[in-house]
Amino acid sequence: MGGASIWHWIVVGLIVVLLFGRGKISEMMGDVAKGIKAFKKGMADDESQAVQNQSNEPARSIEHQPGETAQTAQNANANKAG
């Protein structure tokens, strides 16, 4: 007998409707939907901006000579850049 029956949910629903009213509940759901749409739009804008920023950067290459360690290659590339 630990589960909530349909009658429990109906009573809870009626109390919520009495407290907030039908208009207020639908208004809140509309606000939630607007928030979700704005969030998705913001995420899409951030992704397109990140792709655009990556395409503006020049391509970098690392030159590696056989027998060269990673540290000496890094030093050689730093000397070329500076």
PDB file of N, CA and C in Angstrom:
ATOM      1  N   MET A   1       0.822  -1.198   0.000  1.00  0.00           N
ATOM      2  CA  MET A   1       0.000   0.000   0.000  1.00  0.00           C
ATOM      3  C   MET A   1       0.861   1.256   0.000  1.00  0.00           C
ATOM      4  N   GLY A   2       2.148   1.143  -0.401  1.00  0.00           N
ATOM      5  CA  GLY A   2       3.038   2.279  -0.361  1.00  0.00           C
ATOM      6  C   GLY A   2       2.948   3.175  -1.583  1.00  0.00           C
ATOM      7  N   GLY A   3       2.302   2.693  -2.668  1.00  0.00           N
ATOM      8  CA  GLY A   3       2.256   3.475  -3.904  1.00  0.00           C
ATOM      9  C   GLY A   3       1.115   4.481  -3.904  1.00  0.00           C
ATOM     10  N   ALA A   4       1.276   5.532  -4.688  1.00  0.00           N
ATOM     11  CA  ALA A   4       0.227   6.551  -4.808  1.00  0.00           C
ATOM     12  C   ALA A   4      -0.756   6.115  -5.887  1.00  0.00           C
ATOM     13  N   SER A   5      -2.034   6.100  -5.548  1.00  0.00           N
ATOM     14  CA  SER A   5      -3.050   5.688  -6.518  1.00  0.00           C
ATOM     15  C   SER A   5      -3.443   6.870  -7.384  1.00  0.00           C
ATOM     16  N   ILE A   6      -4.299   6.629  -8.339  1.00  0.00           N
ATOM     17  CA  ILE A   6      -4.775   7.679  -9.240  1.00  0.00           C
ATOM     18  C   ILE A   6      -5.509   8.761  -8.461  1.00  0.00           C
ATOM     19  N   TRP A   7      -6.188   8.377  -7.382  1.00  0.00           N
ATOM     20  CA  TRP A   7      -6.946   9.358  -6.597  1.00  0.00           C
ATOM     21  C   TRP A   7      -6.018  10.336  -5.888  1.00  0.00           C
ATOM     22  N   HIS A   8      -4.872   9.863  -5.465  1.00  0.00           N
ATOM     23  CA  HIS A   8      -3.900  10.764  -4.853  1.00  0.00           C
ATOM     24  C   HIS A   8      -3.441  11.829  -5.853  1.00  0.00           C
ATOM     25  N   TRP A   9      -3.169  11.400  -7.080  1.00  0.00           N
ATOM     26  CA  TRP A   9      -2.715  12.336  -8.113  1.00  0.00           C
ATOM     27  C   TRP A   9      -3.807  13.313  -8.509  1.00  0.00           C
ATOM     28  N   ILE A  10      -5.049  12.836  -8.524  1.00  0.00           N
ATOM     29  CA  ILE A  10      -6.167  13.737  -8.848  1.00  0.00           C
ATOM     30  C   ILE A  10      -6.298  14.815  -7.774  1.00  0.00           C
ATOM     31  N   VAL A  11      -6.207  14.422  -6.500  1.00  0.00           N
ATOM     32  CA  VAL A  11      -6.307  15.385  -5.405  1.00  0.00           C
ATOM     33  C   VAL A  11      -5.156  16.388  -5.474  1.00  0.00           C
ATOM     34  N   VAL A  12      -3.946  15.920  -5.723  1.00  0.00           N
ATOM     35  CA  VAL A  12      -2.792  16.823  -5.839  1.00  0.00           C
ATOM     36  C   VAL A  12      -3.001  17.783  -7.008  1.00  0.00           C
ATOM     37  N   GLY A  13      -3.490  17.266  -8.133  1.00  0.00           N
ATOM     38  CA  GLY A  13      -3.747  18.116  -9.295  1.00  0.00           C
ATOM     39  C   GLY A  13      -4.787  19.183  -9.006  1.00  0.00           C
ATOM     40  N   LEU A  14      -5.860  18.814  -8.311  1.00  0.00           N
ATOM     41  CA  LEU A  14      -6.902  19.781  -7.964  1.00  0.00           C
ATOM     42  C   LEU A  14      -6.357  20.870  -7.030  1.00  0.00           C
ATOM     43  N   ILE A  15      -5.542  20.482  -6.084  1.00  0.00           N
ATOM     44  CA  ILE A  15      -4.965  21.469  -5.164  1.00  0.00           C
ATOM     45  C   ILE A  15      -4.068  22.442  -5.932  1.00  0.00           C
ATOM     46  N   VAL A  16      -3.268  21.922  -6.850  1.00  0.00           N
ATOM     47  CA  VAL A  16      -2.385  22.789  -7.652  1.00  0.00           C
ATOM     48  C   VAL A  16      -3.207  23.758  -8.489  1.00  0.00           C
ATOM     49  N   VAL A  17      -4.265  23.260  -9.122  1.00  0.00           N
ATOM     50  CA  VAL A  17      -5.126  24.124  -9.944  1.00  0.00           C
ATOM     51  C   VAL A  17      -5.791  25.190  -9.078  1.00  0.00           C
ATOM     52  N   LEU A  18      -6.250  24.796  -7.885  1.00  0.00           N
ATOM     53  CA  LEU A  18      -6.884  25.777  -6.996  1.00  0.00           C
ATOM     54  C   LEU A  18      -5.892  26.843  -6.540  1.00  0.00           C
ATOM     55  N   LEU A  19      -4.663  26.445  -6.268  1.00  0.00           N
ATOM     56  CA  LEU A  19      -3.668  27.408  -5.790  1.00  0.00           C
ATOM     57  C   LEU A  19      -3.193  28.355  -6.896  1.00  0.00           C
ATOM     58  N   PHE A  20      -2.926  27.800  -8.063  1.00  0.00           N
ATOM     59  CA  PHE A  20      -2.325  28.601  -9.129  1.00  0.00           C
ATOM     60  C   PHE A  20      -3.317  29.039 -10.201  1.00  0.00           C
ATOM     61  N   GLY A  21      -4.356  28.299 -10.390  1.00  0.00           N
ATOM     62  CA  GLY A  21      -5.298  28.599 -11.461  1.00  0.00           C
ATOM     63  C   GLY A  21      -4.795  28.031 -12.780  1.00  0.00           C
ATOM     64  N   ARG A  22      -5.722  27.741 -13.684  1.00  0.00           N
ATOM     65  CA  ARG A  22      -5.336  27.139 -14.961  1.00  0.00           C
ATOM     66  C   ARG A  22      -4.478  28.085 -15.797  1.00  0.00           C
ATOM     67  N   GLY A  23      -4.803  29.359 -15.797  1.00  0.00           N
ATOM     68  CA  GLY A  23      -4.059  30.317 -16.614  1.00  0.00           C
ATOM     69  C   GLY A  23      -2.614  30.443 -16.192  1.00  0.00           C
ATOM     70  N   LYS A  24      -2.386  30.437 -14.897  1.00  0.00           N
ATOM     71  CA  LYS A  24      -1.028  30.589 -14.380  1.00  0.00           C
ATOM     72  C   LYS A  24      -0.170  29.370 -14.736  1.00  0.00           C
ATOM     73  N   ILE A  25      -0.746  28.181 -14.684  1.00  0.00           N
ATOM     74  CA  ILE A  25      -0.001  26.964 -15.009  1.00  0.00           C
ATOM     75  C   ILE A  25       0.382  26.961 -16.485  1.00  0.00           C
ATOM     76  N   SER A  26      -0.561  27.298 -17.367  1.00  0.00           N
ATOM     77  CA  SER A  26      -0.243  27.312 -18.794  1.00  0.00           C
ATOM     78  C   SER A  26       0.768  28.410 -19.113  1.00  0.00           C
ATOM     79  N   GLU A  27       0.693  29.527 -18.390  1.00  0.00           N
ATOM     80  CA  GLU A  27       1.666  30.609 -18.579  1.00  0.00           C
ATOM     81  C   GLU A  27       3.065  30.152 -18.175  1.00  0.00           C
ATOM     82  N   MET A  28       3.154  29.432 -17.052  1.00  0.00           N
ATOM     83  CA  MET A  28       4.453  28.936 -16.603  1.00  0.00           C
ATOM     84  C   MET A  28       5.022  27.924 -17.589  1.00  0.00           C
ATOM     85  N   MET A  29       4.159  27.060 -18.145  1.00  0.00           N
ATOM     86  CA  MET A  29       4.633  26.079 -19.124  1.00  0.00           C
ATOM     87  C   MET A  29       5.118  26.782 -20.391  1.00  0.00           C
ATOM     88  N   GLY A  30       4.443  27.857 -20.787  1.00  0.00           N
ATOM     89  CA  GLY A  30       4.885  28.631 -21.947  1.00  0.00           C
ATOM     90  C   GLY A  30       6.233  29.277 -21.695  1.00  0.00           C
ATOM     91  N   ASP A  31       6.440  29.777 -20.484  1.00  0.00           N
ATOM     92  CA  ASP A  31       7.729  30.377 -20.127  1.00  0.00           C
ATOM     93  C   ASP A  31       8.843  29.332 -20.140  1.00  0.00           C
ATOM     94  N   VAL A  32       8.531  28.138 -19.670  1.00  0.00           N
ATOM     95  CA  VAL A  32       9.522  27.062 -19.684  1.00  0.00           C
ATOM     96  C   VAL A  32       9.893  26.722 -21.130  1.00  0.00           C
ATOM     97  N   ALA A  33       8.898  26.647 -22.010  1.00  0.00           N
ATOM     98  CA  ALA A  33       9.161  26.345 -23.421  1.00  0.00           C
ATOM     99  C   ALA A  33      10.020  27.438 -24.059  1.00  0.00           C
ATOM    100  N   LYS A  34       9.733  28.697 -23.760  1.00  0.00           N
ATOM    101  CA  LYS A  34      10.547  29.803 -24.300  1.00  0.00           C
ATOM    102  C   LYS A  34      11.979  29.707 -23.804  1.00  0.00           C
ATOM    103  N   GLY A  35      12.139  29.359 -22.542  1.00  0.00           N
ATOM    104  CA  GLY A  35      13.479  29.212 -21.979  1.00  0.00           C
ATOM    105  C   GLY A  35      14.262  28.107 -22.654  1.00  0.00           C
ATOM    106  N   ILE A  36      13.603  26.996 -22.917  1.00  0.00           N
ATOM    107  CA  ILE A  36      14.272  25.875 -23.591  1.00  0.00           C
ATOM    108  C   ILE A  36      14.677  26.282 -25.000  1.00  0.00           C
ATOM    109  N   LYS A  37      13.797  26.967 -25.721  1.00  0.00           N
ATOM    110  CA  LYS A  37      14.124  27.416 -27.083  1.00  0.00           C
ATOM    111  C   LYS A  37      15.287  28.388 -27.065  1.00  0.00           C
ATOM    112  N   ALA A  38      15.302  29.315 -26.117  1.00  0.00           N
ATOM    113  CA  ALA A  38      16.393  30.279 -26.019  1.00  0.00           C
ATOM    114  C   ALA A  38      17.713  29.575 -25.688  1.00  0.00           C
ATOM    115  N   PHE A  39      17.658  28.567 -24.827  1.00  0.00           N
ATOM    116  CA  PHE A  39      18.853  27.813 -24.476  1.00  0.00           C
ATOM    117  C   PHE A  39      19.410  27.091 -25.689  1.00  0.00           C
ATOM    118  N   LYS A  40      18.535  26.427 -26.457  1.00  0.00           N
ATOM    119  CA  LYS A  40      18.981  25.706 -27.645  1.00  0.00           C
ATOM    120  C   LYS A  40      19.572  26.663 -28.668  1.00  0.00           C
ATOM    121  N   LYS A  41      18.943  27.833 -28.838  1.00  0.00           N
ATOM    122  CA  LYS A  41      19.450  28.825 -29.785  1.00  0.00           C
ATOM    123  C   LYS A  41      20.820  29.326 -29.342  1.00  0.00           C
ATOM    124  N   GLY A  42      20.991  29.558 -28.051  1.00  0.00           N
ATOM    125  CA  GLY A  42      22.275  29.993 -27.526  1.00  0.00           C
ATOM    126  C   GLY A  42      23.362  28.950 -27.730  1.00  0.00           C
ATOM    127  N   MET A  43      23.019  27.682 -27.530  1.00  0.00           N
ATOM    128  CA  MET A  43      23.994  26.617 -27.742  1.00  0.00           C
ATOM    129  C   MET A  43      24.399  26.551 -29.207  1.00  0.00           C
ATOM    130  N   ALA A  44      23.446  26.681 -30.130  1.00  0.00           N
ATOM    131  CA  ALA A  44      23.748  26.644 -31.556  1.00  0.00           C
ATOM    132  C   ALA A  44      24.621  27.843 -31.944  1.00  0.00           C
ATOM    133  N   ASP A  45      24.339  29.017 -31.386  1.00  0.00           N
ATOM    134  CA  ASP A  45      25.141  30.205 -31.677  1.00  0.00           C
ATOM    135  C   ASP A  45      26.574  30.028 -31.180  1.00  0.00           C
ATOM    136  N   ASP A  46      26.734  29.447 -29.986  1.00  0.00           N
ATOM    137  CA  ASP A  46      28.075  29.222 -29.433  1.00  0.00           C
ATOM    138  C   ASP A  46      28.863  28.262 -30.310  1.00  0.00           C
ATOM    139  N   GLU A  47      28.215  27.198 -30.795  1.00  0.00           N
ATOM    140  CA  GLU A  47      28.903  26.223 -31.636  1.00  0.00           C
ATOM    141  C   GLU A  47      29.325  26.847 -32.956  1.00  0.00           C
ATOM    142  N   SER A  48      28.439  27.633 -33.576  1.00  0.00           N
ATOM    143  CA  SER A  48      28.792  28.249 -34.858  1.00  0.00           C
ATOM    144  C   SER A  48      29.895  29.279 -34.669  1.00  0.00           C
ATOM    145  N   GLN A  49      29.901  29.972 -33.540  1.00  0.00           N
ATOM    146  CA  GLN A  49      30.948  30.951 -33.257  1.00  0.00           C
ATOM    147  C   GLN A  49      32.285  30.247 -33.034  1.00  0.00           C
ATOM    148  N   ALA A  50      32.274  29.099 -32.370  1.00  0.00           N
ATOM    149  CA  ALA A  50      33.505  28.347 -32.132  1.00  0.00           C
ATOM    150  C   ALA A  50      34.084  27.840 -33.450  1.00  0.00           C
ATOM    151  N   VAL A  51      33.225  27.349 -34.340  1.00  0.00           N
ATOM    152  CA  VAL A  51      33.688  26.869 -35.648  1.00  0.00           C
ATOM    153  C   VAL A  51      34.266  28.028 -36.444  1.00  0.00           C
ATOM    154  N   GLN A  52      33.626  29.175 -36.384  1.00  0.00           N
ATOM    155  CA  GLN A  52      34.100  30.345 -37.107  1.00  0.00           C
ATOM    156  C   GLN A  52      35.459  30.795 -36.574  1.00  0.00           C
ATOM    157  N   ASN A  53      35.647  30.791 -35.260  1.00  0.00           N
ATOM    158  CA  ASN A  53      36.924  31.179 -34.669  1.00  0.00           C
ATOM    159  C   ASN A  53      38.030  30.213 -35.053  1.00  0.00           C
ATOM    160  N   GLN A  54      37.720  28.927 -35.140  1.00  0.00           N
ATOM    161  CA  GLN A  54      38.726  27.943 -35.516  1.00  0.00           C
ATOM    162  C   GLN A  54      39.144  28.125 -36.965  1.00  0.00           C
ATOM    163  N   SER A  55      38.228  28.497 -37.842  1.00  0.00           N
ATOM    164  CA  SER A  55      38.566  28.644 -39.247  1.00  0.00           C
ATOM    165  C   SER A  55      39.393  29.896 -39.493  1.00  0.00           C
ATOM    166  N   ASN A  56      39.374  30.875 -38.598  1.00  0.00           N
ATOM    167  CA  ASN A  56      40.151  32.094 -38.763  1.00  0.00           C
ATOM    168  C   ASN A  56      41.610  31.918 -38.366  1.00  0.00           C
ATOM    169  N   GLU A  57      41.918  30.900 -37.556  1.00  0.00           N
ATOM    170  CA  GLU A  57      43.286  30.683 -37.116  1.00  0.00           C
ATOM    171  C   GLU A  57      44.086  30.018 -38.235  1.00  0.00           C
ATOM    172  N   PRO A  58      45.343  30.434 -38.419  1.00  0.00           N
ATOM    173  CA  PRO A  58      46.157  29.781 -39.450  1.00  0.00           C
ATOM    174  C   PRO A  58      46.492  28.356 -39.033  1.00  0.00           C
ATOM    175  N   ALA A  59      46.671  27.514 -40.028  1.00  0.00           N
ATOM    176  CA  ALA A  59      47.006  26.116 -39.757  1.00  0.00           C
ATOM    177  C   ALA A  59      48.423  26.042 -39.213  1.00  0.00           C
ATOM    178  N   ARG A  60      48.631  25.192 -38.232  1.00  0.00           N
ATOM    179  CA  ARG A  60      49.947  25.023 -37.637  1.00  0.00           C
ATOM    180  C   ARG A  60      50.476  23.654 -38.030  1.00  0.00           C
ATOM    181  N   SER A  61      51.758  23.605 -38.300  1.00  0.00           N
ATOM    182  CA  SER A  61      52.361  22.314 -38.620  1.00  0.00           C
ATOM    183  C   SER A  61      53.563  22.096 -37.718  1.00  0.00           C
ATOM    184  N   ILE A  62      53.827  20.855 -37.451  1.00  0.00           N
ATOM    185  CA  ILE A  62      54.974  20.477 -36.628  1.00  0.00           C
ATOM    186  C   ILE A  62      55.917  19.690 -37.514  1.00  0.00           C
ATOM    187  N   GLU A  63      57.140  20.168 -37.593  1.00  0.00           N
ATOM    188  CA  GLU A  63      58.140  19.485 -38.405  1.00  0.00           C
ATOM    189  C   GLU A  63      58.913  18.536 -37.508  1.00  0.00           C
ATOM    190  N   HIS A  64      59.040  17.304 -37.953  1.00  0.00           N
ATOM    191  CA  HIS A  64      59.723  16.295 -37.153  1.00  0.00           C
ATOM    192  C   HIS A  64      60.786  15.634 -38.018  1.00  0.00           C
ATOM    193  N   GLN A  65      61.985  15.586 -37.502  1.00  0.00           N
ATOM    194  CA  GLN A  65      63.088  14.932 -38.188  1.00  0.00           C
ATOM    195  C   GLN A  65      63.300  13.569 -37.557  1.00  0.00           C
ATOM    196  N   PRO A  66      63.642  12.565 -38.346  1.00  0.00           N
ATOM    197  CA  PRO A  66      63.921  11.240 -37.767  1.00  0.00           C
ATOM    198  C   PRO A  66      65.053  11.317 -36.751  1.00  0.00           C
ATOM    199  N   GLY A  67      64.874  10.660 -35.633  1.00  0.00           N
ATOM    200  CA  GLY A  67      65.884  10.645 -34.589  1.00  0.00           C
ATOM    201  C   GLY A  67      65.776  11.818 -33.626  1.00  0.00           C
ATOM    202  N   GLU A  68      64.851  12.696 -33.850  1.00  0.00           N
ATOM    203  CA  GLU A  68      64.689  13.877 -33.018  1.00  0.00           C
ATOM    204  C   GLU A  68      63.730  13.556 -31.872  1.00  0.00           C
ATOM    205  N   THR A  69      64.047  14.018 -30.674  1.00  0.00           N
ATOM    206  CA  THR A  69      63.130  13.810 -29.560  1.00  0.00           C
ATOM    207  C   THR A  69      62.069  14.894 -29.582  1.00  0.00           C
ATOM    208  N   ALA A  70      61.022  14.706 -28.825  1.00  0.00           N
ATOM    209  CA  ALA A  70      59.935  15.679 -28.783  1.00  0.00           C
ATOM    210  C   ALA A  70      60.423  17.010 -28.244  1.00  0.00           C
ATOM    211  N   GLN A  71      61.322  16.992 -27.258  1.00  0.00           N
ATOM    212  CA  GLN A  71      61.813  18.227 -26.654  1.00  0.00           C
ATOM    213  C   GLN A  71      62.656  19.023 -27.646  1.00  0.00           C
ATOM    214  N   THR A  72      63.535  18.359 -28.391  1.00  0.00           N
ATOM    215  CA  THR A  72      64.371  19.098 -29.343  1.00  0.00           C
ATOM    216  C   THR A  72      63.543  19.619 -30.505  1.00  0.00           C
ATOM    217  N   ALA A  73      62.515  18.884 -30.915  1.00  0.00           N
ATOM    218  CA  ALA A  73      61.631  19.369 -31.978  1.00  0.00           C
ATOM    219  C   ALA A  73      60.853  20.592 -31.503  1.00  0.00           C
ATOM    220  N   GLN A  74      60.432  20.571 -30.263  1.00  0.00           N
ATOM    221  CA  GLN A  74      59.693  21.694 -29.708  1.00  0.00           C
ATOM    222  C   GLN A  74      60.588  22.929 -29.622  1.00  0.00           C
ATOM    223  N   ASN A  75      61.830  22.738 -29.204  1.00  0.00           N
ATOM    224  CA  ASN A  75      62.776  23.846 -29.148  1.00  0.00           C
ATOM    225  C   ASN A  75      63.055  24.416 -30.530  1.00  0.00           C
ATOM    226  N   ALA A  76      63.177  23.548 -31.521  1.00  0.00           N
ATOM    227  CA  ALA A  76      63.447  24.005 -32.885  1.00  0.00           C
ATOM    228  C   ALA A  76      62.276  24.819 -33.421  1.00  0.00           C
ATOM    229  N   ASN A  77      61.050  24.374 -33.157  1.00  0.00           N
ATOM    230  CA  ASN A  77      59.865  25.115 -33.606  1.00  0.00           C
ATOM    231  C   ASN A  77      59.758  26.450 -32.887  1.00  0.00           C
ATOM    232  N   ALA A  78      60.130  26.491 -31.609  1.00  0.00           N
ATOM    233  CA  ALA A  78      60.084  27.746 -30.852  1.00  0.00           C
ATOM    234  C   ALA A  78      61.117  28.727 -31.397  1.00  0.00           C
ATOM    235  N   ASN A  79      62.267  28.231 -31.780  1.00  0.00           N
ATOM    236  CA  ASN A  79      63.305  29.108 -32.341  1.00  0.00           C
ATOM    237  C   ASN A  79      62.879  29.681 -33.680  1.00  0.00           C
ATOM    238  N   LYS A  80      62.164  28.909 -34.492  1.00  0.00           N
ATOM    239  CA  LYS A  80      61.668  29.412 -35.783  1.00  0.00           C
ATOM    240  C   LYS A  80      60.626  30.486 -35.596  1.00  0.00           C
ATOM    241  N   ALA A  81      59.760  30.308 -34.579  1.00  0.00           N
ATOM    242  CA  ALA A  81      58.677  31.277 -34.347  1.00  0.00           C
ATOM    243  C   ALA A  81      59.200  32.561 -33.737  1.00  0.00           C
ATOM    244  N   GLY A  82      60.221  32.486 -32.950  1.00  0.00           N
ATOM    245  CA  GLY A  82      60.676  33.658 -32.213  1.00  0.00           C
ATOM    246  C   GLY A  82      61.883  34.252 -32.764  1.00  0.00           C
TER     247      GLY A  82
END
